[in-house]
Amino acid sequence: TEEYSLCPVFQQPLQFPPRRRYPTVELRAETFNGSTRVPIPSDSAFLKALLLELRLEDEHLFVEQRDTCTRINHSCVHSVSTGAGELWPVLAFHKSGLIYACVPLVEGSLEPRPPLLTVRGLSQGLALLLGIMDYVSPSCKNEAELSAKVGQLRTLLIQACPLGTPLNTNIRSLNSSFEDIQEMPVDKEQPAWRSSSYKGKPQVNVCITEKVKCMQYDQRDVVDTWQVYGAVNCKCDIEGSAPNVTLSLTLPTNAPPLQDIVVHHCVTSVDPAMLLSTSAEPLHDSVYNGPYKFPFIPPSDSFDLCYYTSQVPVPPILGCYQLVEEGSQIKITVNLKLHESIKNSFEYCEARIPFFNRGPIAQVEYKVSYGQLDLFREKSLLVWVIGQKFPKSWEVSLTATLSFGTAGKEHPTDYVCTGNTAYVKLYFRIPDFTLTGCYVDQHSIQIFVPGKPKITASRELISSDYYIWNSKAPAPMVFKPLLD
């Protein structure tokens, strides 16, 4: 995530603009930018320079630094002239009598100027400004309501962007909790990210969500690939200005270790070896195998405590897809097998079989060994609903013969899936299960506050981009493992 040193909203009639500066980010800018850094001027000087750059002041005069042919600007990223030099990049735009502006942090030297696409903070800064505009703009016709909302922005930004990093760009969603947000923490020990107080019985909710991506080809010269990504989401309703919580992730014996771990900024300390364990290196004896313990001071709202990956030995569902053309008809065969280590209890499980560049499905004859097949003629799509369980054999199959009508502009097309190059895409969710076996032991959660907290822990496995390609056609792409 990127951070921001300034996020003001200006209204031209206002004498002093509501703004928020982040000194910690300005210190980071000194580190990253070095001698190329241009300090942000005072609020009044910045406003005057910005009005000049946006042609909202001295509009009818020729100002060389702004109006020369070499300064034609087709984007909302500006270079603002200040007494200390050219301040860049300044993200600013004018809408309904208001100016929305922020200065993203550039993580590197500013000379020569890096391409805009490499400045990651610009997209987050734009999202944050659009969130502010969405919150403010409905009140533009009512001056009293507008003034009230502009006055609230400084406080709302404490929650949306506590340390300069946008955590929530939907400013409108924060308005309901406005009364609970503190302008400045009463307790000096209270961290900036814990922006509201909680009163009531302590309770902690933890959910581990793992997503599995997969590419299966069923071809000798192409390697199947799969990747697992996990996120641990927490919601801690605990009294106190800076409550201490410790949560541990547990793995079964001989389970693959967690790797590429990224932790939330509220985590106070972790074993450095945990963060150095990466999937880019082959697994060896020195890889970090836990315990995965996270001490932290939780924010007030729901947050992702950490992210991780893991190199699991097998994908949850193995598949084979064959599509061949015989005259004017297409014949398909789909075989799916649930791996024996996977919990056979789904919230949903279905296989979607699209047909691109062929027109509507005119006729279909099919046979399924399990589940049911739904036909969407105009969408040229078959949906095989397997349901909540695989049969005792752990295997299911589908065979079908299809014919198609004349293709029109409204029918699905794809530049990759031409000829017999086609795929089956799986959608499933398995509650109370993770592919890595990772879980949270409720008894291991330590909360150093009075009273016995209520602790709820859950986990789930969800498919994400789970493709099975036609083995009778050339594979359109190959994702090589990171180890290569």
Protein backbone atom coordinates (compact mmCIF):
# COMPACT_ATOMS: atom_id res chain seq x y z
CA THR A 1 0.00 0.00 0.00
CA GLU A 2 1.03 3.58 -0.62
CA GLU A 3 0.87 6.50 1.74
CA TYR A 4 0.01 10.16 1.31
CA SER A 5 1.44 13.32 2.76
CA LEU A 6 -1.57 15.53 2.05
CA CYS A 7 -5.22 14.90 1.32
CA PRO A 8 -7.09 18.21 1.27
CA VAL A 9 -10.50 19.15 -0.10
CA PHE A 10 -10.80 22.80 -1.08
CA GLN A 11 -13.85 24.94 -1.64
CA GLN A 12 -12.99 28.19 -3.35
CA PRO A 13 -15.02 30.49 -1.01
CA LEU A 14 -13.40 28.94 2.08
CA GLN A 15 -10.51 30.97 3.48
CA PHE A 16 -8.70 27.97 4.97
CA PRO A 17 -8.98 24.52 3.39
CA PRO A 18 -9.64 21.41 5.45
CA ARG A 19 -6.52 19.27 5.05
CA ARG A 20 -4.61 16.45 6.65
CA ARG A 21 -0.84 16.11 6.69
CA TYR A 22 1.10 12.97 7.56
CA PRO A 23 4.56 13.78 9.01
CA THR A 24 5.52 10.10 9.01
CA VAL A 25 5.00 9.98 5.25
CA GLU A 26 7.00 13.15 4.74
CA LEU A 27 9.87 11.46 6.61
CA ARG A 28 9.56 8.47 4.29
CA ALA A 29 9.66 10.84 1.32
CA GLU A 30 12.99 12.20 2.60
CA THR A 31 14.32 8.63 2.69
CA PHE A 32 13.03 7.61 -0.73
CA ASN A 33 13.47 10.85 -2.67
CA GLY A 34 16.67 12.15 -1.08
CA SER A 35 17.93 15.38 -2.59
CA THR A 36 15.22 15.30 -5.28
CA ARG A 37 12.46 15.79 -2.70
CA VAL A 38 10.51 19.03 -2.81
CA PRO A 39 8.90 19.74 0.59
CA ILE A 40 5.19 20.46 0.73
CA PRO A 41 4.64 24.17 1.39
CA SER A 42 2.23 25.72 3.88
CA ASP A 43 -1.46 25.22 3.27
CA SER A 44 -2.05 28.77 2.02
CA ALA A 45 0.98 28.65 -0.31
CA PHE A 46 -0.03 25.22 -1.64
CA LEU A 47 -3.59 26.40 -2.29
CA LYS A 48 -2.41 29.48 -4.16
CA ALA A 49 0.01 27.45 -6.31
CA LEU A 50 -2.63 24.81 -7.02
CA LEU A 51 -5.24 27.37 -8.08
CA LEU A 52 -2.69 28.83 -10.47
CA GLU A 53 -1.83 25.39 -11.92
CA LEU A 54 -5.51 24.49 -12.43
CA ARG A 55 -6.16 27.84 -14.17
CA LEU A 56 -8.61 28.91 -11.46
CA GLU A 57 -6.52 32.01 -10.75
CA ASP A 58 -5.13 34.42 -13.37
CA GLU A 59 -7.02 32.37 -15.93
CA HIS A 60 -6.89 35.05 -18.62
CA LEU A 61 -3.19 35.82 -18.16
CA PHE A 62 -0.34 33.99 -19.82
CA VAL A 63 1.77 32.34 -17.15
CA GLU A 64 4.86 30.78 -18.74
CA GLN A 65 5.34 28.03 -16.16
CA ARG A 66 1.74 26.95 -16.73
CA ASP A 67 0.77 27.89 -20.28
CA THR A 68 3.88 27.07 -22.28
CA CYS A 69 3.41 24.47 -25.03
CA THR A 70 5.75 22.09 -23.22
CA ARG A 71 3.34 21.90 -20.25
CA ILE A 72 0.27 20.50 -22.01
CA ASN A 73 -1.35 18.16 -19.50
CA HIS A 74 -3.99 15.60 -20.43
CA SER A 75 -4.31 13.96 -17.02
CA CYS A 76 -5.18 14.96 -13.46
CA VAL A 77 -1.54 14.51 -12.39
CA HIS A 78 0.07 17.95 -12.08
CA SER A 79 3.40 19.55 -11.33
CA VAL A 80 2.84 22.48 -8.96
CA SER A 81 5.42 25.25 -8.83
CA THR A 82 6.47 26.17 -5.28
CA GLY A 83 9.18 28.32 -3.79
CA ALA A 84 11.31 25.20 -3.23
CA GLY A 85 10.82 23.79 -6.73
CA GLU A 86 8.34 21.72 -8.75
CA LEU A 87 6.16 19.57 -6.48
CA TRP A 88 5.28 16.36 -8.37
CA PRO A 89 3.09 14.33 -8.56
CA VAL A 90 0.08 16.29 -7.34
CA LEU A 91 -3.17 14.45 -8.03
CA ALA A 92 -5.89 17.10 -8.37
CA PHE A 93 -9.14 17.74 -10.21
CA HIS A 94 -11.92 20.36 -10.10
CA LYS A 95 -15.55 19.22 -9.74
CA SER A 96 -18.71 21.21 -8.89
CA GLY A 97 -16.87 24.13 -7.37
CA LEU A 98 -14.57 21.94 -5.26
CA ILE A 99 -10.95 20.97 -5.73
CA TYR A 100 -9.91 17.48 -4.65
CA ALA A 101 -6.17 16.97 -4.26
CA CYS A 102 -3.56 14.74 -2.66
CA VAL A 103 0.18 14.21 -2.96
CA PRO A 104 1.07 10.49 -3.30
CA LEU A 105 4.37 9.17 -2.01
CA VAL A 106 6.86 8.16 -4.73
CA GLU A 107 9.00 5.30 -3.50
CA GLY A 108 12.19 6.27 -5.28
CA SER A 109 14.08 9.13 -6.82
CA LEU A 110 12.11 11.85 -8.59
CA GLU A 111 14.83 12.58 -11.16
CA PRO A 112 14.29 11.54 -13.83
CA ARG A 113 10.55 11.40 -13.24
CA PRO A 114 9.32 7.82 -13.21
CA PRO A 115 6.47 6.80 -15.59
CA LEU A 116 3.03 7.34 -14.06
CA LEU A 117 2.21 3.63 -14.29
CA THR A 118 5.10 2.82 -11.93
CA VAL A 119 3.87 5.17 -9.18
CA ARG A 120 1.62 2.80 -7.27
CA GLY A 121 0.25 5.54 -5.01
CA LEU A 122 -1.57 7.32 -7.84
CA SER A 123 -4.31 4.69 -8.16
CA GLN A 124 -4.92 4.58 -4.42
CA GLY A 125 -4.86 8.35 -4.20
CA LEU A 126 -7.43 8.60 -6.99
CA ALA A 127 -9.64 6.01 -5.26
CA LEU A 128 -9.45 7.97 -2.02
CA LEU A 129 -10.32 11.28 -3.70
CA LEU A 130 -13.23 9.69 -5.57
CA GLY A 131 -14.47 8.31 -2.24
CA ILE A 132 -14.30 11.78 -0.74
CA MET A 133 -16.10 13.24 -3.77
CA ASP A 134 -18.83 10.60 -3.48
CA TYR A 135 -19.29 11.57 0.17
CA VAL A 136 -19.25 15.37 -0.35
CA SER A 137 -20.77 15.99 -3.79
CA PRO A 138 -24.48 15.19 -3.02
CA SER A 139 -24.45 18.20 -0.66
CA CYS A 140 -23.02 20.72 -3.11
CA LYS A 141 -26.39 22.47 -3.59
CA ASN A 142 -26.92 22.92 0.15
CA GLU A 143 -24.23 25.19 1.58
CA ALA A 144 -24.95 24.38 5.23
CA GLU A 145 -24.86 20.62 4.65
CA LEU A 146 -21.75 20.96 2.52
CA SER A 147 -19.92 22.90 5.24
CA ALA A 148 -20.90 20.26 7.80
CA LYS A 149 -19.61 17.42 5.64
CA VAL A 150 -16.38 19.21 4.79
CA GLY A 151 -15.89 19.80 8.50
CA GLN A 152 -16.31 16.09 9.22
CA LEU A 153 -13.76 15.03 6.61
CA ARG A 154 -10.74 15.67 8.79
CA THR A 155 -12.10 13.33 11.44
CA LEU A 156 -13.29 10.68 8.98
CA LEU A 157 -9.83 10.55 7.42
CA ILE A 158 -8.46 9.38 10.77
CA GLN A 159 -10.39 6.18 10.21
CA ALA A 160 -10.09 5.97 6.42
CA CYS A 161 -6.40 6.85 6.27
CA PRO A 162 -4.93 6.80 9.81
CA LEU A 163 -1.21 6.75 8.99
CA GLY A 164 -1.32 7.98 5.41
CA THR A 165 -2.24 4.57 3.99
CA PRO A 166 -5.82 4.38 2.62
CA LEU A 167 -7.50 1.52 4.46
CA ASN A 168 -11.03 2.30 3.31
CA THR A 169 -11.74 4.56 0.35
CA ASN A 170 -15.52 4.32 0.81
CA ILE A 171 -15.83 7.44 2.98
CA ARG A 172 -19.63 7.28 2.86
CA SER A 173 -19.57 3.96 4.74
CA LEU A 174 -17.66 5.57 7.63
CA ASN A 175 -20.23 8.27 8.30
CA SER A 176 -22.49 6.04 10.42
CA SER A 177 -19.76 5.61 13.03
CA PHE A 178 -18.86 9.30 13.08
CA GLU A 179 -19.90 9.82 16.69
CA ASP A 180 -17.53 7.09 17.87
CA ILE A 181 -14.49 8.49 16.07
CA GLN A 182 -12.10 10.40 18.27
CA GLU A 183 -10.37 13.48 16.82
CA MET A 184 -7.38 12.81 19.06
CA PRO A 185 -6.94 9.75 21.31
CA VAL A 186 -7.54 10.53 24.97
CA ASP A 187 -4.97 7.92 25.99
CA LYS A 188 -1.45 8.58 24.72
CA GLU A 189 -0.94 4.82 24.45
CA GLN A 190 -3.77 4.49 21.92
CA PRO A 191 -2.40 3.86 18.40
CA ALA A 192 -3.63 5.95 15.49
CA TRP A 193 -5.24 2.99 13.73
CA ARG A 194 -7.54 2.32 16.72
CA SER A 195 -9.83 5.23 15.93
CA SER A 196 -12.97 4.38 17.94
CA SER A 197 -13.79 2.98 21.34
CA TYR A 198 -15.88 -0.09 22.16
CA LYS A 199 -18.11 -0.66 25.15
CA GLY A 200 -19.54 -4.07 25.87
CA LYS A 201 -18.71 -7.73 26.27
CA PRO A 202 -15.37 -8.60 24.62
CA GLN A 203 -15.60 -10.80 21.54
CA VAL A 204 -13.24 -11.87 18.79
CA ASN A 205 -14.19 -13.26 15.37
CA VAL A 206 -11.51 -14.87 13.20
CA CYS A 207 -11.98 -16.32 9.71
CA ILE A 208 -9.32 -18.00 7.57
CA THR A 209 -10.13 -17.80 3.87
CA GLU A 210 -8.01 -19.78 1.43
CA LYS A 211 -8.39 -19.40 -2.34
CA VAL A 212 -7.02 -21.95 -4.75
CA LYS A 213 -6.09 -21.09 -8.34
CA CYS A 214 -5.51 -23.91 -10.79
CA MET A 215 -4.60 -24.60 -14.41
CA GLN A 216 -5.02 -28.23 -15.55
CA TYR A 217 -4.20 -29.39 -19.07
CA ASP A 218 -4.03 -33.22 -18.94
CA GLN A 219 -1.14 -33.14 -21.43
CA ARG A 220 2.28 -34.79 -21.15
CA ASP A 221 4.29 -31.78 -22.27
CA VAL A 222 2.42 -29.20 -20.15
CA VAL A 223 2.69 -29.10 -16.36
CA ASP A 224 -0.46 -28.53 -14.32
CA THR A 225 -0.11 -25.71 -11.79
CA TRP A 226 -2.00 -24.67 -8.68
CA GLN A 227 -1.48 -21.98 -6.05
CA VAL A 228 -3.02 -21.36 -2.63
CA TYR A 229 -3.51 -17.92 -1.11
CA GLY A 230 -4.72 -17.41 2.44
CA ALA A 231 -6.02 -14.43 4.42
CA VAL A 232 -6.81 -14.26 8.14
CA ASN A 233 -9.59 -11.76 8.82
CA CYS A 234 -10.24 -10.52 12.37
CA LYS A 235 -12.86 -8.40 14.10
CA CYS A 236 -11.97 -7.63 17.72
CA ASP A 237 -14.58 -5.87 19.86
CA ILE A 238 -12.52 -5.19 22.97
CA GLU A 239 -12.60 -2.35 25.48
CA GLY A 240 -9.52 -0.28 26.11
CA SER A 241 -7.35 2.17 24.22
CA ALA A 242 -4.62 -0.34 23.32
CA PRO A 243 -5.68 -3.93 24.09
CA ASN A 244 -3.08 -6.63 23.46
CA VAL A 245 -4.14 -9.75 21.58
CA THR A 246 -2.07 -12.76 20.55
CA LEU A 247 -3.35 -15.17 17.88
CA SER A 248 -1.67 -18.36 16.68
CA LEU A 249 -2.13 -20.24 13.42
CA THR A 250 -1.71 -24.00 13.67
CA LEU A 251 -0.85 -26.57 10.99
CA PRO A 252 -1.31 -30.35 11.09
CA THR A 253 1.78 -32.54 11.41
CA ASN A 254 3.76 -32.81 8.14
CA ALA A 255 1.64 -30.09 6.51
CA PRO A 256 3.42 -27.74 4.06
CA PRO A 257 4.61 -24.54 5.77
CA LEU A 258 3.09 -21.11 5.28
CA GLN A 259 5.17 -18.82 3.07
CA ASP A 260 5.21 -15.29 1.65
CA ILE A 261 3.64 -14.05 4.89
CA VAL A 262 2.61 -10.39 4.93
CA VAL A 263 1.31 -8.95 8.23
CA HIS A 264 -0.92 -6.01 9.08
CA HIS A 265 0.80 -2.92 10.49
CA CYS A 266 -0.94 -3.44 13.86
CA VAL A 267 1.20 -6.56 14.51
CA THR A 268 3.72 -5.56 17.15
CA SER A 269 6.37 -8.27 16.64
CA VAL A 270 7.00 -11.48 14.70
CA ASP A 271 9.86 -13.89 14.21
CA PRO A 272 11.89 -12.50 11.25
CA ALA A 273 12.30 -16.05 9.90
CA MET A 274 8.52 -16.15 9.40
CA LEU A 275 8.65 -13.21 7.00
CA LEU A 276 11.69 -14.53 5.13
CA SER A 277 10.07 -17.86 4.24
CA THR A 278 9.26 -17.52 0.54
CA SER A 279 7.78 -19.75 -2.14
CA ALA A 280 10.49 -18.54 -4.54
CA GLU A 281 12.96 -20.85 -2.78
CA PRO A 282 12.74 -24.65 -2.80
CA LEU A 283 11.46 -26.19 0.41
CA HIS A 284 14.32 -27.34 2.60
CA ASP A 285 15.02 -28.22 6.21
CA SER A 286 15.59 -24.62 7.29
CA VAL A 287 12.17 -23.40 6.13
CA TYR A 288 10.10 -21.80 8.89
CA ASN A 289 7.51 -24.28 10.20
CA GLY A 290 5.99 -22.21 13.00
CA PRO A 291 4.65 -21.53 15.45
CA TYR A 292 2.87 -18.75 13.59
CA LYS A 293 2.19 -16.37 16.46
CA PHE A 294 0.91 -12.82 15.91
CA PRO A 295 0.78 -10.33 18.82
CA PHE A 296 -1.16 -7.21 17.84
CA ILE A 297 -3.20 -4.21 18.93
CA PRO A 298 -6.36 -4.56 16.80
CA PRO A 299 -8.01 -1.73 14.86
CA SER A 300 -11.62 -0.95 15.67
CA ASP A 301 -13.04 -2.45 12.48
CA SER A 302 -12.62 -5.71 10.61
CA PHE A 303 -9.13 -6.17 9.12
CA ASP A 304 -6.88 -8.78 7.52
CA LEU A 305 -4.28 -9.78 10.09
CA CYS A 306 -2.03 -11.50 7.54
CA TYR A 307 -1.76 -13.03 4.08
CA TYR A 308 0.17 -16.14 3.09
CA THR A 309 0.77 -18.73 0.40
CA SER A 310 1.60 -22.43 0.58
CA GLN A 311 2.89 -25.13 -1.76
CA VAL A 312 0.26 -27.83 -1.30
CA PRO A 313 1.01 -31.18 -2.99
CA VAL A 314 -2.26 -31.66 -4.91
CA PRO A 315 -5.22 -29.59 -6.14
CA PRO A 316 -8.56 -30.37 -4.48
CA ILE A 317 -10.32 -31.50 -7.67
CA LEU A 318 -8.57 -33.22 -10.58
CA GLY A 319 -10.22 -32.88 -13.96
CA CYS A 320 -10.07 -33.90 -17.59
CA TYR A 321 -11.89 -32.06 -20.39
CA GLN A 322 -12.08 -33.26 -23.98
CA LEU A 323 -13.80 -31.39 -26.81
CA VAL A 324 -13.78 -32.61 -30.41
CA GLU A 325 -15.69 -31.52 -33.51
CA GLU A 326 -17.44 -34.12 -35.64
CA GLY A 327 -19.02 -32.47 -38.65
CA SER A 328 -21.52 -29.86 -37.49
CA GLN A 329 -21.60 -31.21 -33.95
CA ILE A 330 -19.34 -30.94 -30.91
CA LYS A 331 -18.80 -33.75 -28.48
CA ILE A 332 -17.52 -33.09 -24.96
CA THR A 333 -16.46 -35.27 -22.07
CA VAL A 334 -15.74 -33.98 -18.57
CA ASN A 335 -14.38 -36.13 -15.74
CA LEU A 336 -13.86 -34.74 -12.23
CA LYS A 337 -12.37 -36.47 -9.21
CA LEU A 338 -12.30 -35.15 -5.67
CA HIS A 339 -9.01 -35.87 -3.94
CA GLU A 340 -9.38 -38.21 -0.97
CA SER A 341 -7.79 -35.70 1.42
CA ILE A 342 -10.48 -33.09 0.73
CA LYS A 343 -13.56 -32.68 2.92
CA ASN A 344 -16.54 -33.90 0.91
CA SER A 345 -18.96 -31.24 2.09
CA PHE A 346 -19.54 -28.24 -0.19
CA GLU A 347 -21.69 -25.19 0.19
CA TYR A 348 -21.83 -25.25 -3.60
CA CYS A 349 -19.91 -26.92 -6.41
CA GLU A 350 -20.51 -26.44 -10.11
CA ALA A 351 -18.67 -26.60 -13.42
CA ARG A 352 -19.38 -23.96 -16.05
CA ILE A 353 -18.68 -24.89 -19.67
CA PRO A 354 -18.78 -21.89 -22.03
CA PHE A 355 -18.67 -22.10 -25.82
CA PHE A 356 -17.20 -19.03 -27.50
CA ASN A 357 -17.47 -17.83 -31.10
CA ARG A 358 -20.13 -20.40 -31.96
CA GLY A 359 -23.57 -18.81 -31.61
CA PRO A 360 -26.46 -20.04 -29.43
CA ILE A 361 -26.79 -23.69 -28.40
CA ALA A 362 -29.46 -25.12 -30.70
CA GLN A 363 -29.57 -28.69 -29.42
CA VAL A 364 -27.90 -30.74 -26.70
CA GLU A 365 -28.00 -34.39 -25.73
CA TYR A 366 -26.22 -35.26 -22.51
CA LYS A 367 -25.66 -37.77 -19.75
CA VAL A 368 -24.40 -37.00 -16.24
CA SER A 369 -23.38 -39.57 -13.66
CA TYR A 370 -24.19 -37.19 -10.83
CA GLY A 371 -25.85 -33.80 -10.29
CA GLN A 372 -27.85 -31.91 -12.91
CA LEU A 373 -27.10 -29.93 -16.06
CA ASP A 374 -28.60 -26.49 -16.74
CA LEU A 375 -28.65 -25.07 -20.25
CA PHE A 376 -28.36 -21.36 -21.08
CA ARG A 377 -28.91 -21.33 -24.84
CA GLU A 378 -28.44 -17.64 -25.58
CA LYS A 379 -25.32 -17.45 -23.43
CA SER A 380 -23.88 -20.59 -25.06
CA LEU A 381 -23.25 -21.98 -21.61
CA LEU A 382 -23.69 -25.29 -19.79
CA VAL A 383 -23.74 -25.25 -15.99
CA TRP A 384 -23.17 -28.61 -14.35
CA VAL A 385 -24.45 -28.37 -10.77
CA ILE A 386 -22.67 -31.09 -8.80
CA GLY A 387 -24.19 -30.00 -5.50
CA GLN A 388 -22.96 -30.32 -1.94
CA LYS A 389 -21.27 -33.73 -2.12
CA PHE A 390 -19.42 -35.98 -4.52
CA PRO A 391 -20.67 -39.59 -4.65
CA LYS A 392 -18.93 -42.37 -2.69
CA SER A 393 -16.66 -43.05 -5.68
CA TRP A 394 -15.42 -39.42 -5.44
CA GLU A 395 -15.78 -39.24 -9.25
CA VAL A 396 -18.35 -37.65 -11.57
CA SER A 397 -18.61 -37.49 -15.34
CA LEU A 398 -20.49 -35.67 -18.08
CA THR A 399 -20.81 -36.47 -21.79
CA ALA A 400 -22.74 -34.32 -24.24
CA THR A 401 -23.29 -33.70 -27.95
CA LEU A 402 -24.14 -30.16 -29.00
CA SER A 403 -25.06 -28.25 -32.15
CA PHE A 404 -25.10 -24.47 -32.53
CA GLY A 405 -27.05 -21.82 -34.41
CA THR A 406 -25.74 -18.85 -36.33
CA ALA A 407 -23.46 -16.61 -34.29
CA GLY A 408 -24.48 -13.00 -33.78
CA LYS A 409 -22.87 -9.97 -32.18
CA GLU A 410 -24.68 -10.65 -28.91
CA HIS A 411 -23.19 -14.11 -28.44
CA PRO A 412 -20.00 -14.57 -26.35
CA THR A 413 -16.66 -14.24 -28.12
CA ASP A 414 -13.10 -14.75 -27.00
CA TYR A 415 -9.76 -14.18 -28.73
CA VAL A 416 -8.08 -17.02 -26.82
CA CYS A 417 -10.76 -19.70 -27.07
CA THR A 418 -10.77 -20.20 -30.84
CA GLY A 419 -11.21 -23.52 -32.59
CA ASN A 420 -11.15 -26.35 -30.07
CA THR A 421 -9.26 -24.37 -27.44
CA ALA A 422 -11.80 -24.28 -24.63
CA TYR A 423 -12.08 -24.75 -20.89
CA VAL A 424 -14.24 -25.80 -17.96
CA LYS A 425 -14.22 -23.46 -14.98
CA LEU A 426 -14.98 -24.78 -11.50
CA TYR A 427 -16.74 -22.83 -8.76
CA PHE A 428 -16.90 -24.22 -5.23
CA ARG A 429 -16.75 -23.35 -1.54
CA ILE A 430 -15.95 -25.78 1.27
CA PRO A 431 -16.83 -24.41 4.72
CA ASP A 432 -14.83 -25.34 7.82
CA PHE A 433 -11.87 -26.52 5.72
CA THR A 434 -8.55 -25.21 4.40
CA LEU A 435 -6.31 -26.84 1.83
CA THR A 436 -3.22 -26.27 3.97
CA GLY A 437 -4.99 -27.56 7.07
CA CYS A 438 -4.35 -24.19 8.74
CA TYR A 439 -6.69 -23.36 11.62
CA VAL A 440 -6.97 -21.11 14.67
CA ASP A 441 -6.97 -22.83 18.03
CA GLN A 442 -9.47 -20.81 20.07
CA HIS A 443 -7.67 -21.74 23.28
CA SER A 444 -4.45 -20.23 21.92
CA ILE A 445 -5.94 -16.75 21.56
CA GLN A 446 -4.70 -14.57 24.40
CA ILE A 447 -6.49 -11.33 25.24
CA PHE A 448 -5.04 -9.27 28.05
CA VAL A 449 -8.24 -7.54 29.19
CA PRO A 450 -10.65 -8.14 32.07
CA GLY A 451 -13.49 -10.58 31.48
CA LYS A 452 -13.78 -13.75 29.45
CA PRO A 453 -14.14 -12.91 25.75
CA LYS A 454 -16.35 -14.79 23.34
CA ILE A 455 -14.19 -16.24 20.57
CA THR A 456 -15.50 -17.44 17.21
CA ALA A 457 -13.17 -19.05 14.66
CA SER A 458 -14.07 -20.27 11.18
CA ARG A 459 -12.34 -21.20 7.93
CA GLU A 460 -13.20 -21.83 4.29
CA LEU A 461 -11.74 -22.88 0.94
CA ILE A 462 -12.91 -21.05 -2.20
CA SER A 463 -12.06 -21.64 -5.86
CA SER A 464 -10.52 -18.76 -7.80
CA ASP A 465 -9.68 -19.00 -11.51
CA TYR A 466 -9.92 -22.79 -11.44
CA TYR A 467 -9.58 -23.87 -15.09
CA ILE A 468 -9.48 -27.25 -16.83
CA TRP A 469 -8.43 -26.85 -20.46
CA ASN A 470 -9.39 -29.05 -23.39
CA SER A 471 -6.69 -31.72 -23.67
CA LYS A 472 -7.51 -32.24 -27.38
CA ALA A 473 -6.33 -28.73 -28.32
CA PRO A 474 -3.11 -26.75 -27.86
CA ALA A 475 -2.81 -25.19 -24.42
CA PRO A 476 -3.27 -21.41 -24.82
CA MET A 477 -0.89 -20.55 -21.97
CA VAL A 478 1.44 -22.19 -19.50
CA PHE A 479 2.07 -20.80 -16.02
CA LYS A 480 5.54 -21.97 -15.08
CA PRO A 481 6.20 -22.58 -11.37
CA LEU A 482 8.25 -19.95 -9.53
CA LEU A 483 10.89 -22.61 -8.90
CA ASP A 484 11.77 -22.56 -12.60
